[in-house]
Amino acid sequence: MRAVSYHLHKEWQQVVERAVQNIIIQYYQAAPSLRSVSFILTLVEKQWKHIKQNVFDSPLHYYTVLAKTTDHLLQFLHPLFEKQCSPLLLFERIKCKSKWRKTYVDIDMAYIDNGEWIIRKFLLEEDETFCRHYKQMILTACPQKFGFLPRKIEFCSLLNGTRHIECLSSLSAFHRVSKIKLFTCGRDFD
């Protein structure tokens, strides 16, 4: 769930992110016919029993985070809407090279909807600076790795339930891809 390797978190955030990642992976690895609300709740229970309450500020904090993340996972992985969604990428780290260094961007989920690529990024809390930085990383990494940009990025906050959508305009994508092609001269950085 981290976008770049230097993004730091508190201990409770790290363990919750790992649990959420495992839940999402197991959910999408299951056959579409098995994906249901009860299946998500079973996955949450299975992952959360390994999380120690002492990494949270208080027992209230532990149960609040559990309740909110569970509720919002149910919202974002709603079986009626997601049964036919099969991610093409699921928690993949891709390498990209900027002018000064190589770096990595983590893609939580990428799927196709109506013929267009969409990236979904799960966040615990909304962070405008992080989202802006992540968008810039995607503008660099996707053309280098795949040769094109996704149509949009969905930022899904698991603590407040919001979904913020960033559309990547074709004009800015065209300019960004042109710059990357000039910079890389067709080299492959894998």
N, C-alpha and C. Protein backbone atom coordinates (compact mmCIF):
# COMPACT_ATOMS: atom_id res chain seq x y z
N MET A 1 0.80 -1.18 0.00
CA MET A 1 0.00 0.00 0.00
C MET A 1 0.85 1.26 0.00
N ARG A 2 2.12 1.10 0.09
CA ARG A 2 2.99 2.27 0.02
C ARG A 2 3.27 2.59 -1.44
N ALA A 3 3.37 3.84 -1.76
CA ALA A 3 3.62 4.24 -3.14
C ALA A 3 5.11 4.28 -3.42
N VAL A 4 5.86 4.78 -2.51
CA VAL A 4 7.30 4.85 -2.69
C VAL A 4 7.98 4.34 -1.45
N SER A 5 9.19 3.87 -1.60
CA SER A 5 9.85 3.16 -0.50
C SER A 5 10.14 4.04 0.71
N TYR A 6 10.19 5.35 0.57
CA TYR A 6 10.55 6.18 1.71
C TYR A 6 9.35 6.67 2.50
N HIS A 7 8.14 6.25 2.16
CA HIS A 7 6.93 6.67 2.86
C HIS A 7 6.89 5.97 4.22
N LEU A 8 6.92 6.74 5.31
CA LEU A 8 7.00 6.18 6.66
C LEU A 8 5.63 6.16 7.34
N HIS A 9 5.41 5.17 8.19
CA HIS A 9 4.15 5.01 8.91
C HIS A 9 4.43 4.66 10.36
N LYS A 10 3.40 4.85 11.18
CA LYS A 10 3.43 4.36 12.54
C LYS A 10 3.24 2.85 12.49
N GLU A 11 3.61 2.19 13.57
CA GLU A 11 3.54 0.72 13.59
C GLU A 11 2.12 0.20 13.34
N TRP A 12 1.11 0.80 13.95
CA TRP A 12 -0.26 0.33 13.74
C TRP A 12 -0.66 0.46 12.27
N GLN A 13 -0.21 1.51 11.61
CA GLN A 13 -0.55 1.69 10.20
C GLN A 13 0.09 0.59 9.35
N GLN A 14 1.32 0.24 9.67
CA GLN A 14 2.00 -0.80 8.92
C GLN A 14 1.31 -2.16 9.05
N VAL A 15 0.91 -2.52 10.27
CA VAL A 15 0.27 -3.82 10.44
C VAL A 15 -1.13 -3.84 9.82
N VAL A 16 -1.84 -2.73 9.88
CA VAL A 16 -3.16 -2.66 9.25
C VAL A 16 -3.02 -2.73 7.73
N GLU A 17 -2.03 -2.04 7.18
CA GLU A 17 -1.80 -2.09 5.73
C GLU A 17 -1.49 -3.51 5.27
N ARG A 18 -0.66 -4.22 6.02
CA ARG A 18 -0.35 -5.62 5.66
C ARG A 18 -1.61 -6.49 5.72
N ALA A 19 -2.40 -6.31 6.75
CA ALA A 19 -3.64 -7.09 6.88
C ALA A 19 -4.59 -6.79 5.73
N VAL A 20 -4.77 -5.52 5.41
CA VAL A 20 -5.66 -5.12 4.31
C VAL A 20 -5.15 -5.69 2.99
N GLN A 21 -3.85 -5.61 2.78
CA GLN A 21 -3.27 -6.16 1.56
C GLN A 21 -3.57 -7.66 1.45
N ASN A 22 -3.39 -8.39 2.53
CA ASN A 22 -3.67 -9.84 2.52
C ASN A 22 -5.15 -10.11 2.26
N ILE A 23 -6.03 -9.31 2.84
CA ILE A 23 -7.47 -9.47 2.63
C ILE A 23 -7.81 -9.27 1.16
N ILE A 24 -7.30 -8.22 0.57
CA ILE A 24 -7.61 -7.90 -0.83
C ILE A 24 -7.05 -8.96 -1.76
N ILE A 25 -5.84 -9.41 -1.51
CA ILE A 25 -5.23 -10.46 -2.34
C ILE A 25 -6.05 -11.74 -2.27
N GLN A 26 -6.40 -12.16 -1.06
CA GLN A 26 -7.19 -13.40 -0.91
C GLN A 26 -8.57 -13.25 -1.52
N TYR A 27 -9.14 -12.08 -1.43
CA TYR A 27 -10.46 -11.84 -2.01
C TYR A 27 -10.42 -12.03 -3.53
N TYR A 28 -9.44 -11.43 -4.18
CA TYR A 28 -9.38 -11.51 -5.64
C TYR A 28 -8.80 -12.83 -6.15
N GLN A 29 -8.10 -13.57 -5.29
CA GLN A 29 -7.63 -14.89 -5.69
C GLN A 29 -8.75 -15.92 -5.65
N ALA A 30 -9.80 -15.62 -4.92
CA ALA A 30 -10.95 -16.53 -4.83
C ALA A 30 -11.77 -16.47 -6.12
N ALA A 31 -12.43 -17.54 -6.42
CA ALA A 31 -13.31 -17.57 -7.58
C ALA A 31 -14.41 -16.52 -7.41
N PRO A 32 -14.81 -15.86 -8.49
CA PRO A 32 -15.85 -14.83 -8.37
C PRO A 32 -17.12 -15.32 -7.68
N SER A 33 -17.45 -16.58 -7.83
CA SER A 33 -18.66 -17.11 -7.19
C SER A 33 -18.55 -17.16 -5.66
N LEU A 34 -17.32 -17.14 -5.14
CA LEU A 34 -17.12 -17.18 -3.69
C LEU A 34 -17.09 -15.80 -3.04
N ARG A 35 -16.91 -14.77 -3.85
CA ARG A 35 -16.79 -13.41 -3.32
C ARG A 35 -18.14 -12.93 -2.81
N SER A 36 -18.16 -12.66 -1.53
CA SER A 36 -19.40 -12.22 -0.89
C SER A 36 -19.06 -11.39 0.34
N VAL A 37 -20.08 -10.79 0.92
CA VAL A 37 -19.90 -10.02 2.15
C VAL A 37 -19.38 -10.93 3.25
N SER A 38 -19.95 -12.10 3.39
CA SER A 38 -19.50 -13.02 4.45
C SER A 38 -18.07 -13.48 4.22
N PHE A 39 -17.67 -13.62 2.95
CA PHE A 39 -16.29 -14.01 2.65
C PHE A 39 -15.32 -12.89 3.07
N ILE A 40 -15.70 -11.65 2.80
CA ILE A 40 -14.85 -10.51 3.22
C ILE A 40 -14.74 -10.49 4.74
N LEU A 41 -15.85 -10.67 5.43
CA LEU A 41 -15.83 -10.66 6.90
C LEU A 41 -14.98 -11.79 7.45
N THR A 42 -15.01 -12.95 6.81
CA THR A 42 -14.17 -14.08 7.22
C THR A 42 -12.69 -13.73 7.04
N LEU A 43 -12.37 -13.09 5.92
CA LEU A 43 -10.98 -12.69 5.67
C LEU A 43 -10.51 -11.65 6.68
N VAL A 44 -11.38 -10.71 7.00
CA VAL A 44 -11.03 -9.68 7.99
C VAL A 44 -10.76 -10.33 9.34
N GLU A 45 -11.65 -11.21 9.76
CA GLU A 45 -11.47 -11.89 11.05
C GLU A 45 -10.15 -12.68 11.08
N LYS A 46 -9.87 -13.38 9.99
CA LYS A 46 -8.65 -14.18 9.90
C LYS A 46 -7.39 -13.32 10.01
N GLN A 47 -7.39 -12.16 9.37
CA GLN A 47 -6.22 -11.28 9.39
C GLN A 47 -6.09 -10.52 10.71
N TRP A 48 -7.21 -10.04 11.24
CA TRP A 48 -7.15 -9.20 12.43
C TRP A 48 -6.84 -9.98 13.70
N LYS A 49 -7.01 -11.27 13.69
CA LYS A 49 -6.67 -12.01 14.91
C LYS A 49 -5.15 -12.05 15.13
N HIS A 50 -4.39 -11.69 14.12
CA HIS A 50 -2.93 -11.66 14.24
C HIS A 50 -2.41 -10.27 14.64
N ILE A 51 -3.29 -9.31 14.72
CA ILE A 51 -2.88 -7.94 15.06
C ILE A 51 -3.00 -7.73 16.56
N LYS A 52 -1.92 -7.29 17.16
CA LYS A 52 -1.91 -7.06 18.61
C LYS A 52 -2.46 -5.66 18.92
N GLN A 53 -3.30 -5.60 19.92
CA GLN A 53 -3.91 -4.33 20.31
C GLN A 53 -2.89 -3.33 20.83
N ASN A 54 -1.77 -3.81 21.36
CA ASN A 54 -0.81 -2.89 21.98
C ASN A 54 -0.07 -2.00 20.98
N VAL A 55 -0.21 -2.24 19.67
CA VAL A 55 0.42 -1.35 18.69
C VAL A 55 -0.45 -0.12 18.43
N PHE A 56 -1.67 -0.12 18.96
CA PHE A 56 -2.59 1.00 18.81
C PHE A 56 -2.51 1.90 20.04
N ASP A 57 -3.04 3.10 19.91
CA ASP A 57 -3.00 4.06 21.01
C ASP A 57 -3.82 3.60 22.21
N SER A 58 -4.90 2.84 21.95
CA SER A 58 -5.79 2.38 23.03
C SER A 58 -6.67 1.27 22.47
N PRO A 59 -7.37 0.53 23.34
CA PRO A 59 -8.33 -0.46 22.84
C PRO A 59 -9.41 0.19 21.96
N LEU A 60 -9.84 1.39 22.33
CA LEU A 60 -10.84 2.10 21.53
C LEU A 60 -10.31 2.38 20.12
N HIS A 61 -9.06 2.79 20.04
CA HIS A 61 -8.43 3.05 18.74
C HIS A 61 -8.38 1.77 17.90
N TYR A 62 -8.01 0.67 18.52
CA TYR A 62 -7.96 -0.63 17.84
C TYR A 62 -9.32 -0.98 17.22
N TYR A 63 -10.37 -0.92 18.04
CA TYR A 63 -11.71 -1.30 17.56
C TYR A 63 -12.29 -0.29 16.56
N THR A 64 -11.93 0.96 16.71
CA THR A 64 -12.38 1.97 15.75
C THR A 64 -11.76 1.73 14.38
N VAL A 65 -10.46 1.46 14.36
CA VAL A 65 -9.77 1.18 13.09
C VAL A 65 -10.31 -0.11 12.48
N LEU A 66 -10.52 -1.13 13.30
CA LEU A 66 -11.09 -2.39 12.82
C LEU A 66 -12.47 -2.16 12.18
N ALA A 67 -13.34 -1.43 12.89
CA ALA A 67 -14.70 -1.20 12.39
C ALA A 67 -14.69 -0.38 11.10
N LYS A 68 -13.89 0.67 11.07
CA LYS A 68 -13.86 1.53 9.88
C LYS A 68 -13.26 0.82 8.67
N THR A 69 -12.15 0.13 8.87
CA THR A 69 -11.53 -0.55 7.72
C THR A 69 -12.42 -1.68 7.21
N THR A 70 -13.08 -2.38 8.12
CA THR A 70 -14.00 -3.44 7.70
C THR A 70 -15.16 -2.86 6.90
N ASP A 71 -15.77 -1.83 7.44
CA ASP A 71 -16.90 -1.19 6.76
C ASP A 71 -16.50 -0.70 5.37
N HIS A 72 -15.35 -0.08 5.26
CA HIS A 72 -14.95 0.50 3.98
C HIS A 72 -14.40 -0.55 3.02
N LEU A 73 -13.83 -1.63 3.53
CA LEU A 73 -13.48 -2.74 2.63
C LEU A 73 -14.75 -3.33 2.02
N LEU A 74 -15.79 -3.46 2.83
CA LEU A 74 -17.06 -3.95 2.30
C LEU A 74 -17.60 -3.00 1.23
N GLN A 75 -17.41 -1.72 1.43
CA GLN A 75 -17.86 -0.72 0.46
C GLN A 75 -17.05 -0.81 -0.84
N PHE A 76 -15.72 -0.88 -0.73
CA PHE A 76 -14.86 -0.84 -1.92
C PHE A 76 -14.74 -2.18 -2.63
N LEU A 77 -15.01 -3.26 -1.92
CA LEU A 77 -14.95 -4.59 -2.53
C LEU A 77 -16.34 -5.19 -2.63
N HIS A 78 -17.33 -4.37 -2.78
CA HIS A 78 -18.72 -4.83 -2.78
C HIS A 78 -18.91 -5.95 -3.80
N PRO A 79 -19.27 -7.13 -3.34
CA PRO A 79 -19.37 -8.29 -4.23
C PRO A 79 -20.32 -8.12 -5.42
N LEU A 80 -21.39 -7.36 -5.27
CA LEU A 80 -22.31 -7.18 -6.39
C LEU A 80 -21.65 -6.42 -7.55
N PHE A 81 -20.73 -5.53 -7.22
CA PHE A 81 -20.08 -4.74 -8.26
C PHE A 81 -18.74 -5.34 -8.68
N GLU A 82 -18.07 -6.03 -7.77
CA GLU A 82 -16.71 -6.48 -8.02
C GLU A 82 -16.59 -7.93 -8.47
N LYS A 83 -17.67 -8.68 -8.53
CA LYS A 83 -17.58 -10.11 -8.88
C LYS A 83 -16.89 -10.33 -10.22
N GLN A 84 -17.19 -9.49 -11.18
CA GLN A 84 -16.61 -9.69 -12.52
C GLN A 84 -15.26 -8.99 -12.68
N CYS A 85 -14.85 -8.23 -11.68
CA CYS A 85 -13.58 -7.51 -11.76
C CYS A 85 -12.44 -8.47 -11.42
N SER A 86 -11.58 -8.67 -12.36
CA SER A 86 -10.38 -9.46 -12.11
C SER A 86 -9.18 -8.56 -12.34
N PRO A 87 -8.49 -8.22 -11.28
CA PRO A 87 -7.35 -7.31 -11.42
C PRO A 87 -6.28 -7.89 -12.35
N LEU A 88 -5.72 -7.02 -13.16
CA LEU A 88 -4.60 -7.40 -14.00
C LEU A 88 -3.30 -7.29 -13.23
N LEU A 89 -3.26 -6.37 -12.29
CA LEU A 89 -2.14 -6.22 -11.37
C LEU A 89 -2.72 -6.16 -9.96
N LEU A 90 -2.06 -6.82 -9.03
CA LEU A 90 -2.50 -6.82 -7.65
C LEU A 90 -1.28 -6.73 -6.75
N PHE A 91 -1.10 -5.58 -6.14
CA PHE A 91 0.02 -5.29 -5.26
C PHE A 91 1.35 -5.60 -5.95
N GLU A 92 1.58 -4.90 -7.03
CA GLU A 92 2.82 -5.02 -7.81
C GLU A 92 3.68 -3.78 -7.60
N ARG A 93 4.95 -4.00 -7.52
CA ARG A 93 5.92 -2.90 -7.44
C ARG A 93 6.58 -2.79 -8.80
N ILE A 94 6.52 -1.59 -9.37
CA ILE A 94 7.18 -1.41 -10.67
C ILE A 94 8.28 -0.37 -10.53
N LYS A 95 9.32 -0.61 -11.28
CA LYS A 95 10.51 0.24 -11.25
C LYS A 95 10.35 1.32 -12.31
N CYS A 96 10.77 2.51 -11.98
CA CYS A 96 10.80 3.58 -12.98
C CYS A 96 12.05 4.41 -12.77
N LYS A 97 12.45 5.07 -13.83
CA LYS A 97 13.66 5.87 -13.74
C LYS A 97 13.31 7.31 -14.06
N SER A 98 13.68 8.18 -13.16
CA SER A 98 13.52 9.61 -13.40
C SER A 98 14.86 10.14 -13.87
N LYS A 99 14.94 11.42 -14.04
CA LYS A 99 16.17 12.04 -14.53
C LYS A 99 17.36 11.79 -13.59
N TRP A 100 17.06 11.69 -12.28
CA TRP A 100 18.14 11.60 -11.29
C TRP A 100 18.34 10.25 -10.66
N ARG A 101 17.31 9.40 -10.67
CA ARG A 101 17.46 8.13 -9.94
C ARG A 101 16.40 7.12 -10.36
N LYS A 102 16.63 5.88 -9.95
CA LYS A 102 15.62 4.84 -10.11
C LYS A 102 14.79 4.82 -8.84
N THR A 103 13.51 4.58 -9.00
CA THR A 103 12.62 4.50 -7.85
C THR A 103 11.53 3.47 -8.15
N TYR A 104 10.66 3.25 -7.20
CA TYR A 104 9.62 2.25 -7.34
C TYR A 104 8.27 2.88 -7.01
N VAL A 105 7.25 2.36 -7.65
CA VAL A 105 5.89 2.76 -7.33
C VAL A 105 5.08 1.48 -7.13
N ASP A 106 4.30 1.46 -6.06
CA ASP A 106 3.48 0.29 -5.74
C ASP A 106 2.07 0.50 -6.30
N ILE A 107 1.64 -0.44 -7.12
CA ILE A 107 0.29 -0.41 -7.65
C ILE A 107 -0.52 -1.45 -6.87
N ASP A 108 -1.49 -0.98 -6.11
CA ASP A 108 -2.30 -1.90 -5.31
C ASP A 108 -3.17 -2.76 -6.22
N MET A 109 -3.78 -2.12 -7.21
CA MET A 109 -4.69 -2.86 -8.07
C MET A 109 -4.83 -2.10 -9.39
N ALA A 110 -4.80 -2.84 -10.48
CA ALA A 110 -5.08 -2.26 -11.79
C ALA A 110 -6.05 -3.20 -12.49
N TYR A 111 -7.07 -2.63 -13.08
CA TYR A 111 -8.08 -3.43 -13.77
C TYR A 111 -8.60 -2.66 -14.97
N ILE A 112 -9.34 -3.35 -15.82
CA ILE A 112 -9.92 -2.73 -17.00
C ILE A 112 -11.42 -2.59 -16.79
N ASP A 113 -11.92 -1.38 -17.05
CA ASP A 113 -13.35 -1.11 -16.96
C ASP A 113 -13.75 -0.38 -18.24
N ASN A 114 -14.67 -0.98 -18.99
CA ASN A 114 -15.11 -0.42 -20.27
C ASN A 114 -13.93 -0.12 -21.20
N GLY A 115 -12.98 -1.02 -21.22
CA GLY A 115 -11.84 -0.90 -22.12
C GLY A 115 -10.76 0.07 -21.68
N GLU A 116 -10.87 0.61 -20.46
CA GLU A 116 -9.87 1.56 -19.99
C GLU A 116 -9.20 1.05 -18.71
N TRP A 117 -7.89 1.26 -18.63
CA TRP A 117 -7.12 0.87 -17.46
C TRP A 117 -7.41 1.83 -16.31
N ILE A 118 -7.59 1.26 -15.14
CA ILE A 118 -7.82 2.05 -13.93
C ILE A 118 -6.91 1.49 -12.84
N ILE A 119 -6.29 2.38 -12.10
CA ILE A 119 -5.48 1.99 -10.94
C ILE A 119 -6.26 2.36 -9.69
N ARG A 120 -6.32 1.44 -8.75
CA ARG A 120 -6.96 1.69 -7.46
C ARG A 120 -5.88 1.63 -6.38
N LYS A 121 -5.79 2.69 -5.60
CA LYS A 121 -4.83 2.80 -4.52
C LYS A 121 -5.58 2.86 -3.20
N PHE A 122 -5.32 1.91 -2.31
CA PHE A 122 -5.95 1.88 -1.00
C PHE A 122 -5.08 2.64 -0.01
N LEU A 123 -5.68 3.59 0.67
CA LEU A 123 -4.99 4.40 1.67
C LEU A 123 -5.71 4.27 3.00
N LEU A 124 -4.98 4.37 4.09
CA LEU A 124 -5.66 4.41 5.37
C LEU A 124 -6.31 5.78 5.55
N GLU A 125 -5.54 6.82 5.32
CA GLU A 125 -6.05 8.17 5.49
C GLU A 125 -5.77 8.98 4.23
N GLU A 126 -6.64 9.92 3.94
CA GLU A 126 -6.43 10.79 2.79
C GLU A 126 -5.21 11.67 3.04
N ASP A 127 -4.44 11.87 2.00
CA ASP A 127 -3.25 12.71 2.08
C ASP A 127 -3.06 13.32 0.70
N GLU A 128 -3.42 14.59 0.58
CA GLU A 128 -3.37 15.27 -0.72
C GLU A 128 -1.96 15.29 -1.30
N THR A 129 -0.97 15.51 -0.46
CA THR A 129 0.41 15.54 -0.94
C THR A 129 0.82 14.18 -1.47
N PHE A 130 0.48 13.13 -0.75
CA PHE A 130 0.79 11.78 -1.19
C PHE A 130 0.11 11.49 -2.53
N CYS A 131 -1.17 11.83 -2.64
CA CYS A 131 -1.92 11.56 -3.88
C CYS A 131 -1.30 12.29 -5.07
N ARG A 132 -0.90 13.53 -4.87
CA ARG A 132 -0.25 14.32 -5.94
C ARG A 132 1.07 13.66 -6.34
N HIS A 133 1.85 13.25 -5.36
CA HIS A 133 3.14 12.59 -5.64
C HIS A 133 2.92 11.25 -6.34
N TYR A 134 1.94 10.50 -5.87
CA TYR A 134 1.64 9.19 -6.47
C TYR A 134 1.23 9.35 -7.93
N LYS A 135 0.40 10.34 -8.21
CA LYS A 135 -0.02 10.60 -9.59
C LYS A 135 1.20 10.88 -10.48
N GLN A 136 2.13 11.68 -9.98
CA GLN A 136 3.34 11.98 -10.76
C GLN A 136 4.17 10.72 -10.98
N MET A 137 4.22 9.86 -9.97
CA MET A 137 4.97 8.60 -10.12
C MET A 137 4.31 7.72 -11.18
N ILE A 138 2.99 7.66 -11.20
CA ILE A 138 2.27 6.87 -12.19
C ILE A 138 2.49 7.44 -13.59
N LEU A 139 2.51 8.77 -13.70
CA LEU A 139 2.75 9.42 -15.00
C LEU A 139 4.13 9.06 -15.56
N THR A 140 5.06 8.76 -14.68
CA THR A 140 6.39 8.35 -15.11
C THR A 140 6.48 6.84 -15.30
N ALA A 141 5.99 6.08 -14.33
CA ALA A 141 6.20 4.63 -14.31
C ALA A 141 5.41 3.87 -15.36
N CYS A 142 4.15 4.19 -15.52
CA CYS A 142 3.30 3.40 -16.44
C CYS A 142 3.76 3.48 -17.90
N PRO A 143 4.06 4.66 -18.42
CA PRO A 143 4.56 4.68 -19.80
C PRO A 143 5.88 3.91 -19.96
N GLN A 144 6.74 3.99 -18.95
CA GLN A 144 8.01 3.26 -19.04
C GLN A 144 7.78 1.76 -19.02
N LYS A 145 6.90 1.29 -18.15
CA LYS A 145 6.68 -0.14 -17.97
C LYS A 145 5.72 -0.73 -19.00
N PHE A 146 4.60 -0.01 -19.26
CA PHE A 146 3.55 -0.57 -20.09
C PHE A 146 3.38 0.11 -21.44
N GLY A 147 3.95 1.31 -21.59
CA GLY A 147 3.82 2.03 -22.84
C GLY A 147 2.57 2.88 -22.94
N PHE A 148 1.81 2.99 -21.88
CA PHE A 148 0.61 3.83 -21.88
C PHE A 148 0.26 4.21 -20.44
N LEU A 149 -0.69 5.13 -20.31
CA LEU A 149 -1.15 5.57 -19.01
C LEU A 149 -2.53 4.99 -18.70
N PRO A 150 -2.82 4.79 -17.42
CA PRO A 150 -4.20 4.43 -17.07
C PRO A 150 -5.11 5.64 -17.30
N ARG A 151 -6.38 5.40 -17.43
CA ARG A 151 -7.34 6.50 -17.64
C ARG A 151 -7.55 7.30 -16.36
N LYS A 152 -7.53 6.57 -15.21
CA LYS A 152 -7.72 7.27 -13.95
C LYS A 152 -7.11 6.49 -12.79
N ILE A 153 -6.95 7.18 -11.68
CA ILE A 153 -6.48 6.59 -10.43
C ILE A 153 -7.58 6.82 -9.41
N GLU A 154 -7.99 5.74 -8.74
CA GLU A 154 -8.96 5.84 -7.66
C GLU A 154 -8.21 5.73 -6.34
N PHE A 155 -8.32 6.74 -5.49
CA PHE A 155 -7.73 6.70 -4.16
C PHE A 155 -8.86 6.38 -3.18
N CYS A 156 -8.78 5.22 -2.54
CA CYS A 156 -9.83 4.75 -1.63
C CYS A 156 -9.34 4.81 -0.19
N SER A 157 -9.95 5.67 0.60
CA SER A 157 -9.56 5.83 2.00
C SER A 157 -10.32 4.84 2.87
N LEU A 158 -9.58 4.01 3.58
CA LEU A 158 -10.20 2.98 4.40
C LEU A 158 -10.64 3.45 5.78
N LEU A 159 -10.19 4.62 6.21
CA LEU A 159 -10.63 5.12 7.51
C LEU A 159 -11.83 6.07 7.42
N ASN A 160 -12.01 6.71 6.26
CA ASN A 160 -13.18 7.58 6.17
C ASN A 160 -14.13 7.22 5.02
N GLY A 161 -13.76 6.24 4.20
CA GLY A 161 -14.67 5.74 3.18
C GLY A 161 -14.79 6.57 1.92
N THR A 162 -13.93 7.54 1.75
CA THR A 162 -14.03 8.36 0.54
C THR A 162 -13.27 7.72 -0.61
N ARG A 163 -13.75 8.02 -1.81
CA ARG A 163 -13.07 7.59 -3.04
C ARG A 163 -12.82 8.85 -3.84
N HIS A 164 -11.55 9.17 -4.01
CA HIS A 164 -11.15 10.35 -4.78
C HIS A 164 -10.62 9.84 -6.13
N ILE A 165 -11.16 10.36 -7.21
CA ILE A 165 -10.76 9.90 -8.54
C ILE A 165 -9.97 10.99 -9.25
N GLU A 166 -8.79 10.61 -9.71
CA GLU A 166 -7.94 11.50 -10.50
C GLU A 166 -7.96 11.01 -11.94
N CYS A 167 -8.54 11.80 -12.83
CA CYS A 167 -8.52 11.46 -14.25
C CYS A 167 -7.21 11.96 -14.84
N LEU A 168 -6.58 11.12 -15.62
CA LEU A 168 -5.33 11.50 -16.26
C LEU A 168 -5.68 11.94 -17.68
N SER A 169 -5.60 13.23 -17.92
CA SER A 169 -6.03 13.76 -19.22
C SER A 169 -5.10 13.28 -20.32
N SER A 170 -5.67 13.07 -21.47
CA SER A 170 -4.89 12.57 -22.61
C SER A 170 -3.85 13.59 -23.05
N LEU A 171 -4.13 14.89 -22.90
CA LEU A 171 -3.17 15.90 -23.31
C LEU A 171 -1.92 15.86 -22.43
N SER A 172 -2.12 15.84 -21.10
CA SER A 172 -0.95 15.78 -20.22
C SER A 172 -0.25 14.44 -20.38
N ALA A 173 -1.01 13.38 -20.64
CA ALA A 173 -0.40 12.07 -20.85
C ALA A 173 0.46 12.09 -22.11
N PHE A 174 -0.04 12.71 -23.16
CA PHE A 174 0.73 12.78 -24.41
C PHE A 174 2.05 13.50 -24.19
N HIS A 175 2.00 14.65 -23.51
CA HIS A 175 3.23 15.40 -23.26
C HIS A 175 4.19 14.61 -22.38
N ARG A 176 3.67 13.94 -21.36
CA ARG A 176 4.51 13.17 -20.45
C ARG A 176 5.16 11.99 -21.17
N VAL A 177 4.39 11.27 -22.00
CA VAL A 177 4.94 10.14 -22.74
C VAL A 177 5.99 10.63 -23.72
N SER A 178 5.75 11.76 -24.36
CA SER A 178 6.74 12.30 -25.31
C SER A 178 8.05 12.61 -24.60
N LYS A 179 7.97 13.23 -23.42
CA LYS A 179 9.18 13.54 -22.65
C LYS A 179 9.91 12.26 -22.26
N ILE A 180 9.17 11.25 -21.83
CA ILE A 180 9.79 10.00 -21.41
C ILE A 180 10.49 9.34 -22.59
N LYS A 181 9.85 9.33 -23.75
CA LYS A 181 10.47 8.73 -24.93
C LYS A 181 11.76 9.45 -25.29
N LEU A 182 11.75 10.78 -25.20
CA LEU A 182 12.97 11.53 -25.48
C LEU A 182 14.06 11.20 -24.47
N PHE A 183 13.66 11.10 -23.19
CA PHE A 183 14.63 10.84 -22.14
C PHE A 183 15.20 9.44 -22.20
N THR A 184 14.34 8.44 -22.41
CA THR A 184 14.79 7.06 -22.34
C THR A 184 15.39 6.57 -23.64
N CYS A 185 15.08 7.22 -24.74
CA CYS A 185 15.57 6.82 -26.06
C CYS A 185 15.30 5.34 -26.32
N GLY A 186 14.16 4.87 -25.85
CA GLY A 186 13.75 3.49 -26.11
C GLY A 186 14.39 2.44 -25.23
N ARG A 187 15.16 2.85 -24.20
CA ARG A 187 15.79 1.87 -23.31
C ARG A 187 14.77 1.23 -22.39
N ASP A 188 15.01 -0.01 -22.04
CA ASP A 188 14.15 -0.73 -21.08
C ASP A 188 14.87 -0.78 -19.76
N PHE A 189 14.20 -0.33 -18.68
CA PHE A 189 14.84 -0.25 -17.37
C PHE A 189 14.53 -1.44 -16.48
N ASP A 190 13.93 -2.48 -16.98
CA ASP A 190 13.64 -3.66 -16.14
C ASP A 190 14.87 -4.44 -15.81
